[in-house]
Amino acid sequence: CVPLLNGIPYASMNTAGRINVGLDICNVLGGGKGLRLPIFVDHCESNSYPLATDAQQIRLIVVKGSALELQSTKELQLK
């Protein structure tokens, strides 16, 4: 099985496309089983528009020169 996004195979997608396909797969598999497990999303700084999920997303974003910092979704939306 090879995931496609608008006819583009997973191996040929950019990082943002791969992240969104992975999130969509989590939506489909979790929805079919009624699960809402937290999803860790790495390299999220390369995705301006991550796909929404019913599950909690823990987005890992690299910021040069910063100490480790935790922010809630509400704080991120205010900026």
C-alpha atoms as a PDB file:
ATOM      1  CA  CYS A   1       0.000   0.000   0.000  1.00  0.00           C
ATOM      2  CA  VAL A   2       1.421   3.381  -1.004  1.00  0.00           C
ATOM      3  CA  PRO A   3      -0.365   6.485   0.332  1.00  0.00           C
ATOM      4  CA  LEU A   4      -1.140   9.109  -2.316  1.00  0.00           C
ATOM      5  CA  LEU A   5      -1.846  12.829  -1.986  1.00  0.00           C
ATOM      6  CA  ASN A   6      -3.393  14.293  -5.143  1.00  0.00           C
ATOM      7  CA  GLY A   7      -1.820  11.419  -7.103  1.00  0.00           C
ATOM      8  CA  ILE A   8       1.671  11.949  -5.638  1.00  0.00           C
ATOM      9  CA  PRO A   9       3.187   8.868  -3.940  1.00  0.00           C
ATOM     10  CA  TYR A  10       4.421   9.203  -0.359  1.00  0.00           C
ATOM     11  CA  ALA A  11       8.108   8.797  -1.292  1.00  0.00           C
ATOM     12  CA  SER A  12       7.899  11.818  -3.654  1.00  0.00           C
ATOM     13  CA  MET A  13       6.131  14.177  -1.210  1.00  0.00           C
ATOM     14  CA  ASN A  14       7.726  17.043   0.663  1.00  0.00           C
ATOM     15  CA  THR A  15       7.834  16.990   4.475  1.00  0.00           C
ATOM     16  CA  ALA A  16       4.538  18.859   4.902  1.00  0.00           C
ATOM     17  CA  GLY A  17       2.763  16.425   2.576  1.00  0.00           C
ATOM     18  CA  ARG A  18       4.154  13.438   4.453  1.00  0.00           C
ATOM     19  CA  ILE A  19       3.048  14.895   7.788  1.00  0.00           C
ATOM     20  CA  ASN A  20      -0.479  15.555   6.515  1.00  0.00           C
ATOM     21  CA  VAL A  21      -0.779  12.072   4.980  1.00  0.00           C
ATOM     22  CA  GLY A  22       0.332  10.566   8.293  1.00  0.00           C
ATOM     23  CA  LEU A  23      -2.236  12.652  10.179  1.00  0.00           C
ATOM     24  CA  ASP A  24      -4.943  11.593   7.725  1.00  0.00           C
ATOM     25  CA  ILE A  25      -4.013   7.936   8.241  1.00  0.00           C
ATOM     26  CA  CYS A  26      -4.251   8.469  12.024  1.00  0.00           C
ATOM     27  CA  ASN A  27      -7.720  10.022  11.531  1.00  0.00           C
ATOM     28  CA  VAL A  28      -8.937   7.084   9.445  1.00  0.00           C
ATOM     29  CA  LEU A  29      -7.510   4.327  11.646  1.00  0.00           C
ATOM     30  CA  GLY A  30      -8.471   6.036  14.910  1.00  0.00           C
ATOM     31  CA  GLY A  31     -11.963   6.889  13.689  1.00  0.00           C
ATOM     32  CA  GLY A  32     -12.623   3.348  12.568  1.00  0.00           C
ATOM     33  CA  LYS A  33     -11.733   1.991  15.994  1.00  0.00           C
ATOM     34  CA  GLY A  34     -13.079   4.939  18.021  1.00  0.00           C
ATOM     35  CA  LEU A  35      -9.605   5.786  19.355  1.00  0.00           C
ATOM     36  CA  ARG A  36      -8.252   9.244  20.067  1.00  0.00           C
ATOM     37  CA  LEU A  37      -4.656   8.657  21.093  1.00  0.00           C
ATOM     38  CA  PRO A  38      -2.190  11.585  21.235  1.00  0.00           C
ATOM     39  CA  ILE A  39      -0.184  12.059  18.041  1.00  0.00           C
ATOM     40  CA  PHE A  40       3.426  13.293  18.152  1.00  0.00           C
ATOM     41  CA  VAL A  41       4.164  15.379  15.041  1.00  0.00           C
ATOM     42  CA  ASP A  42       7.894  15.911  14.412  1.00  0.00           C
ATOM     43  CA  HIS A  43       9.333  18.548  12.017  1.00  0.00           C
ATOM     44  CA  CYS A  44       6.129  20.549  12.381  1.00  0.00           C
ATOM     45  CA  GLU A  45       7.985  23.791  11.611  1.00  0.00           C
ATOM     46  CA  SER A  46       8.007  22.698   7.953  1.00  0.00           C
ATOM     47  CA  ASN A  47       4.205  22.429   7.797  1.00  0.00           C
ATOM     48  CA  SER A  48       2.273  25.703   7.754  1.00  0.00           C
ATOM     49  CA  TYR A  49      -1.125  23.986   7.643  1.00  0.00           C
ATOM     50  CA  PRO A  50      -1.119  20.670   9.524  1.00  0.00           C
ATOM     51  CA  LEU A  51      -4.234  18.595   8.997  1.00  0.00           C
ATOM     52  CA  ALA A  52      -6.720  18.803  11.870  1.00  0.00           C
ATOM     53  CA  THR A  53      -7.362  15.661  13.901  1.00  0.00           C
ATOM     54  CA  ASP A  54      -9.855  14.661  16.564  1.00  0.00           C
ATOM     55  CA  ALA A  55      -6.898  13.493  18.652  1.00  0.00           C
ATOM     56  CA  GLN A  56      -4.486  15.696  20.576  1.00  0.00           C
ATOM     57  CA  GLN A  57      -1.452  16.739  18.521  1.00  0.00           C
ATOM     58  CA  ILE A  58       1.875  17.244  20.227  1.00  0.00           C
ATOM     59  CA  ARG A  59       3.832  19.312  17.718  1.00  0.00           C
ATOM     60  CA  LEU A  60       7.620  19.225  17.921  1.00  0.00           C
ATOM     61  CA  ILE A  61       9.061  22.438  16.468  1.00  0.00           C
ATOM     62  CA  VAL A  62      12.737  23.401  16.259  1.00  0.00           C
ATOM     63  CA  VAL A  63      13.558  26.994  17.154  1.00  0.00           C
ATOM     64  CA  LYS A  64      17.241  27.889  17.083  1.00  0.00           C
ATOM     65  CA  GLY A  65      18.648  29.514  20.189  1.00  0.00           C
ATOM     66  CA  SER A  66      15.650  28.726  22.379  1.00  0.00           C
ATOM     67  CA  ALA A  67      15.416  26.699  25.550  1.00  0.00           C
ATOM     68  CA  LEU A  68      12.871  23.901  25.798  1.00  0.00           C
ATOM     69  CA  GLU A  69       9.420  25.461  26.055  1.00  0.00           C
ATOM     70  CA  LEU A  70       5.925  24.020  26.262  1.00  0.00           C
ATOM     71  CA  GLN A  71       2.880  25.841  24.881  1.00  0.00           C
ATOM     72  CA  SER A  72      -0.745  24.849  24.733  1.00  0.00           C
ATOM     73  CA  THR A  73      -2.743  25.075  21.491  1.00  0.00           C
ATOM     74  CA  LYS A  74      -4.626  28.084  22.848  1.00  0.00           C
ATOM     75  CA  GLU A  75      -1.341  29.945  23.385  1.00  0.00           C
ATOM     76  CA  LEU A  76      -0.182  29.100  19.854  1.00  0.00           C
ATOM     77  CA  GLN A  77      -3.434  30.390  18.336  1.00  0.00           C
ATOM     78  CA  LEU A  78      -3.106  33.731  20.127  1.00  0.00           C
ATOM     79  CA  LYS A  79       0.236  34.545  18.495  1.00  0.00           C
END
